[in-house]
Amino acid sequence: MELDAPTRWKTLDFVSDLHLQDSCPRTLQGFVDYLDRTSADAVFVLGDLFEFWIGDDWIEDPQEAHRLCFEALARAGARLNLYIMRGNRDFLMGTRLMRACQAQDLPDPTTLVFAGQRIVLSHGDGLCTGDTRYQEFRQLSRSPAWQREFLSEPLAGRKNRMLGMRAQSEANKKTSTAFFDVDHRAALALLQARQSQTLVHGHTHMPDCHAISEQHVRWVLSDWDLDAATPRGHVLRLRAAPAGAASAPLRWERLLPADAT
């Protein structure tokens, strides 16, 4: 997909990996406060908004964190442009959820054209090509057949099944010494195919800005955990330089959620 930003857009915010759930109330409140205050023209949530999502019928009996998040997103979506991308934790989000949040569905990847620049947006999990076990599951779980079978189960059964998947994933992390970051060759191939020099993604929880080549960079978003002993969580803000400015056409900065007004 290609998204042409209207010329009236001057400020964009990117976040990802909030992993919202009832057990993280400070993270939820920080995100709600951020949504209520941000002055951005558009907010892009690049995956893993929720710790997990088991289908849009969960809207009928959500966790309290989900309900409060829906309400905050809907308030934000009523006054700014809100886009939500699916991540590896919440890939079962559907059109019903997007409508409830007054958000627009953002495919992975999407090429954003802003201030004359082409920027590729992705959750990032599909670029961690070294994790072959996960990539096999990713391909399977994104198939219509797998999703039909999973969503045909009762809600309680789906929740138990997803919790089992999460527990197995965490157990695998504890017993494995391997860490699979985004593969630079895969990232470069994506950028070249999209005629872009800039990639923005989440997933790895390792915020940074990496040079892929002399012309190509990737911005990595922070995860959010404001309930941790050392809280973490940032907004990546992108501003268009004023017309006629001698500086670069785009200005990037990381902000604490409380400062992203």
Protein backbone atom coordinates (compact mmCIF):
# COMPACT_ATOMS: atom_id res chain seq x y z
CA MET A 1 0.00 0.00 0.00
CA GLU A 2 1.06 3.60 -0.62
CA LEU A 3 -0.31 6.41 1.55
CA ASP A 4 0.02 9.99 0.32
CA ALA A 5 0.00 12.35 3.28
CA PRO A 6 -2.08 15.50 2.72
CA THR A 7 -0.02 18.68 2.49
CA ARG A 8 -1.74 19.98 5.64
CA TRP A 9 -0.01 17.29 7.72
CA LYS A 10 3.02 18.79 9.47
CA THR A 11 3.58 16.45 12.44
CA LEU A 12 3.39 12.65 12.56
CA ASP A 13 3.80 10.33 15.56
CA PHE A 14 4.87 6.68 15.43
CA VAL A 15 4.49 4.18 18.29
CA SER A 16 4.46 0.40 18.60
CA ASP A 17 4.68 -2.51 21.01
CA LEU A 18 2.48 -1.15 23.77
CA HIS A 19 1.32 -4.68 24.70
CA LEU A 20 -1.67 -3.27 26.56
CA GLN A 21 -3.28 -5.52 29.16
CA ASP A 22 -4.91 -5.25 32.58
CA SER A 23 -1.67 -6.07 34.41
CA CYS A 24 0.06 -2.91 33.12
CA PRO A 25 -2.12 0.00 34.32
CA ARG A 26 0.60 2.67 34.17
CA THR A 27 1.38 1.81 30.56
CA LEU A 28 -2.30 2.03 29.69
CA GLN A 29 -2.73 5.36 31.47
CA GLY A 30 0.38 6.77 29.83
CA PHE A 31 -0.92 5.82 26.40
CA VAL A 32 -4.39 7.22 27.11
CA ASP A 33 -2.88 10.49 28.34
CA TYR A 34 -0.64 10.67 25.27
CA LEU A 35 -3.57 10.13 22.88
CA ASP A 36 -5.60 12.82 24.62
CA ARG A 37 -2.78 15.38 24.42
CA THR A 38 -0.82 14.80 21.24
CA SER A 39 -0.82 17.63 18.72
CA ALA A 40 0.17 15.34 15.84
CA ASP A 41 -1.83 15.44 12.63
CA ALA A 42 -1.60 11.65 12.40
CA VAL A 43 -0.69 8.82 14.77
CA PHE A 44 0.62 5.50 13.45
CA VAL A 45 0.50 2.45 15.74
CA LEU A 46 2.88 -0.02 14.07
CA GLY A 47 1.79 -3.27 15.67
CA ASP A 48 1.37 -4.98 19.04
CA LEU A 49 -1.06 -2.48 20.44
CA PHE A 50 -2.31 -5.32 22.66
CA GLU A 51 -0.46 -8.12 24.43
CA PHE A 52 -2.63 -10.43 22.36
CA TRP A 53 -5.92 -10.30 20.44
CA ILE A 54 -8.13 -13.32 19.85
CA GLY A 55 -10.74 -11.93 17.48
CA ASP A 56 -13.03 -8.95 17.16
CA ASP A 57 -15.87 -10.62 19.06
CA TRP A 58 -13.69 -10.02 22.14
CA ILE A 59 -15.01 -6.44 21.94
CA GLU A 60 -18.22 -7.75 23.53
CA ASP A 61 -16.42 -8.87 26.71
CA PRO A 62 -13.03 -7.11 26.76
CA GLN A 63 -10.46 -6.62 29.44
CA GLU A 64 -10.79 -3.28 31.21
CA ALA A 65 -7.54 -2.17 29.55
CA HIS A 66 -9.05 -2.91 26.14
CA ARG A 67 -12.21 -0.94 26.88
CA LEU A 68 -10.30 2.12 28.08
CA CYS A 69 -7.99 1.87 25.09
CA PHE A 70 -10.92 1.67 22.65
CA GLU A 71 -12.41 4.81 24.18
CA ALA A 72 -9.12 6.75 24.04
CA LEU A 73 -8.43 5.67 20.47
CA ALA A 74 -11.94 6.67 19.42
CA ARG A 75 -11.48 10.12 20.97
CA ALA A 76 -8.18 10.50 19.15
CA GLY A 77 -9.59 9.14 15.90
CA ALA A 78 -12.35 11.74 16.01
CA ARG A 79 -9.86 14.64 15.98
CA LEU A 80 -6.80 13.34 14.11
CA ASN A 81 -5.83 10.69 11.58
CA LEU A 82 -5.28 7.36 13.32
CA TYR A 83 -3.73 4.29 11.67
CA ILE A 84 -3.26 0.86 13.23
CA MET A 85 -1.05 -1.92 11.86
CA ARG A 86 -1.22 -5.51 13.03
CA GLY A 87 1.74 -6.99 14.89
CA ASN A 88 2.78 -10.50 15.84
CA ARG A 89 0.68 -10.32 19.05
CA ASP A 90 -2.52 -8.83 17.61
CA PHE A 91 -2.61 -10.04 14.00
CA LEU A 92 -6.26 -11.08 14.43
CA MET A 93 -7.48 -7.48 14.68
CA GLY A 94 -10.22 -6.91 12.11
CA THR A 95 -12.47 -4.27 10.62
CA ARG A 96 -14.86 -4.31 13.58
CA LEU A 97 -12.08 -3.28 15.95
CA MET A 98 -10.86 -0.59 13.56
CA ARG A 99 -14.35 0.90 13.41
CA ALA A 100 -14.69 0.82 17.21
CA CYS A 101 -11.41 2.76 17.50
CA GLN A 102 -12.20 5.14 14.63
CA ALA A 103 -8.91 3.97 13.12
CA GLN A 104 -7.82 3.13 9.61
CA ASP A 105 -6.33 -0.27 8.85
CA LEU A 106 -2.65 0.02 7.88
CA PRO A 107 -1.25 -2.92 5.88
CA ASP A 108 2.27 -4.20 6.57
CA PRO A 109 4.29 -2.83 4.85
CA THR A 110 2.98 0.59 3.83
CA THR A 111 4.90 3.28 1.98
CA LEU A 112 4.11 6.71 3.40
CA VAL A 113 4.78 9.70 1.15
CA PHE A 114 5.32 12.73 3.39
CA ALA A 115 6.91 16.09 2.56
CA GLY A 116 8.27 14.63 -0.67
CA GLN A 117 9.94 11.68 1.06
CA ARG A 118 9.04 7.99 0.83
CA ILE A 119 9.05 6.20 4.21
CA VAL A 120 8.34 2.49 4.60
CA LEU A 121 6.35 1.50 7.69
CA SER A 122 6.34 -2.06 9.05
CA HIS A 123 5.87 -3.90 12.32
CA GLY A 124 9.20 -5.57 11.59
CA ASP A 125 8.59 -9.21 12.50
CA GLY A 126 8.52 -10.27 8.87
CA LEU A 127 12.05 -8.90 8.45
CA CYS A 128 13.55 -11.09 11.19
CA THR A 129 14.27 -13.76 8.61
CA GLY A 130 16.82 -15.63 10.73
CA ASP A 131 14.05 -16.86 13.05
CA THR A 132 12.88 -19.58 10.70
CA ARG A 133 10.61 -21.24 13.28
CA TYR A 134 8.70 -18.02 13.82
CA GLN A 135 8.55 -17.23 10.10
CA GLU A 136 6.93 -20.62 9.48
CA PHE A 137 4.32 -19.90 12.16
CA ARG A 138 3.82 -16.38 10.82
CA GLN A 139 3.06 -17.68 7.35
CA LEU A 140 0.69 -20.32 8.72
CA SER A 141 -1.18 -18.02 11.12
CA ARG A 142 -1.75 -15.35 8.46
CA SER A 143 -3.46 -17.85 6.15
CA PRO A 144 -7.27 -17.56 5.82
CA ALA A 145 -7.67 -21.28 6.55
CA TRP A 146 -5.78 -21.12 9.86
CA GLN A 147 -7.66 -18.01 10.95
CA ARG A 148 -11.05 -19.49 10.06
CA GLU A 149 -10.26 -22.56 12.13
CA PHE A 150 -8.98 -20.53 15.09
CA LEU A 151 -11.87 -18.05 15.07
CA SER A 152 -14.43 -20.86 14.88
CA GLU A 153 -13.53 -21.88 18.44
CA PRO A 154 -15.40 -20.42 21.43
CA LEU A 155 -13.87 -17.26 22.87
CA ALA A 156 -12.68 -18.99 26.06
CA GLY A 157 -10.98 -21.73 24.05
CA ARG A 158 -9.22 -19.19 21.86
CA LYS A 159 -8.00 -17.30 24.92
CA ASN A 160 -6.58 -20.45 26.49
CA ARG A 161 -4.95 -21.44 23.21
CA MET A 162 -3.36 -18.02 22.77
CA LEU A 163 -2.12 -17.99 26.36
CA GLY A 164 -0.54 -21.37 25.71
CA MET A 165 1.20 -20.00 22.61
CA ARG A 166 2.50 -17.03 24.60
CA ALA A 167 3.77 -19.29 27.41
CA GLN A 168 5.56 -21.51 24.91
CA SER A 169 7.11 -18.48 23.22
CA GLU A 170 8.40 -17.14 26.54
CA ALA A 171 9.79 -20.57 27.45
CA ASN A 172 11.62 -20.74 24.12
CA LYS A 173 13.16 -17.33 24.77
CA LYS A 174 14.51 -18.46 28.14
CA THR A 175 16.13 -21.60 26.73
CA SER A 176 17.54 -20.04 23.56
CA THR A 177 20.68 -17.92 23.37
CA ALA A 178 19.81 -16.65 19.90
CA PHE A 179 18.37 -13.20 19.26
CA PHE A 180 16.94 -12.55 15.85
CA ASP A 181 17.12 -8.92 14.84
CA VAL A 182 15.89 -7.43 11.59
CA ASP A 183 18.00 -8.74 8.72
CA HIS A 184 19.65 -5.79 6.99
CA ARG A 185 19.57 -7.51 3.62
CA ALA A 186 15.81 -8.05 3.92
CA ALA A 187 15.32 -4.45 5.07
CA LEU A 188 17.43 -3.09 2.22
CA ALA A 189 15.57 -5.21 -0.33
CA LEU A 190 12.26 -3.87 0.99
CA LEU A 191 13.44 -0.27 0.79
CA GLN A 192 14.81 -0.68 -2.71
CA ALA A 193 11.58 -2.31 -3.88
CA ARG A 194 9.61 0.61 -2.45
CA GLN A 195 12.07 3.24 -3.78
CA SER A 196 12.63 4.52 -0.25
CA GLN A 197 15.62 5.37 1.91
CA THR A 198 13.91 5.19 5.32
CA LEU A 199 12.30 2.32 7.23
CA VAL A 200 10.35 2.74 10.50
CA HIS A 201 9.49 -0.41 12.46
CA GLY A 202 8.99 -1.87 15.90
CA HIS A 203 8.95 -5.47 17.17
CA THR A 204 12.54 -5.83 18.41
CA HIS A 205 12.19 -3.50 21.45
CA MET A 206 15.64 -2.06 20.66
CA PRO A 207 15.09 1.63 19.85
CA ASP A 208 17.82 3.04 17.67
CA CYS A 209 18.59 4.44 14.24
CA HIS A 210 20.70 2.12 12.08
CA ALA A 211 22.49 2.85 8.83
CA ILE A 212 21.69 0.01 6.44
CA SER A 213 23.82 1.53 3.69
CA GLU A 214 25.20 4.96 2.88
CA GLN A 215 21.74 5.98 1.65
CA HIS A 216 19.37 3.84 3.73
CA VAL A 217 18.41 3.98 7.43
CA ARG A 218 15.97 2.21 9.71
CA TRP A 219 14.39 3.78 12.76
CA VAL A 220 13.47 1.25 15.46
CA LEU A 221 10.61 2.17 17.77
CA SER A 222 10.60 1.66 21.52
CA ASP A 223 8.33 -0.77 23.28
CA TRP A 224 6.28 0.66 26.15
CA ASP A 225 6.44 -0.59 29.73
CA LEU A 226 5.71 2.23 32.12
CA ASP A 227 5.04 -0.33 34.87
CA ALA A 228 8.66 -1.56 34.89
CA ALA A 229 11.12 -0.64 37.64
CA THR A 230 12.87 1.39 34.94
CA PRO A 231 9.97 2.67 32.81
CA ARG A 232 10.48 2.80 29.07
CA GLY A 233 8.46 4.07 26.16
CA HIS A 234 8.94 6.74 23.53
CA VAL A 235 7.11 8.41 20.69
CA LEU A 236 9.02 8.88 17.44
CA ARG A 237 7.91 12.23 16.07
CA LEU A 238 8.44 13.37 12.49
CA ARG A 239 8.03 16.98 11.48
CA ALA A 240 8.13 18.58 8.07
CA ALA A 241 10.52 21.52 7.94
CA PRO A 242 8.90 24.90 7.21
CA ALA A 243 8.72 25.84 3.55
CA GLY A 244 11.96 27.45 2.44
CA ALA A 245 13.93 26.19 5.43
CA ALA A 246 17.61 25.56 4.76
CA SER A 247 17.61 22.42 6.92
CA ALA A 248 16.66 18.89 5.92
CA PRO A 249 13.02 18.46 4.84
CA LEU A 250 12.29 16.09 7.73
CA ARG A 251 13.05 16.37 11.44
CA TRP A 252 13.03 13.25 13.62
CA GLU A 253 13.01 13.18 17.42
CA ARG A 254 12.22 10.76 20.22
CA LEU A 255 9.92 12.06 22.92
CA LEU A 256 8.71 10.73 26.23
CA PRO A 257 4.94 10.20 26.06
CA ALA A 258 4.34 13.03 28.53
CA ASP A 259 6.34 15.41 26.31
CA ALA A 260 4.62 14.50 23.04
CA THR A 261 2.10 17.33 23.19
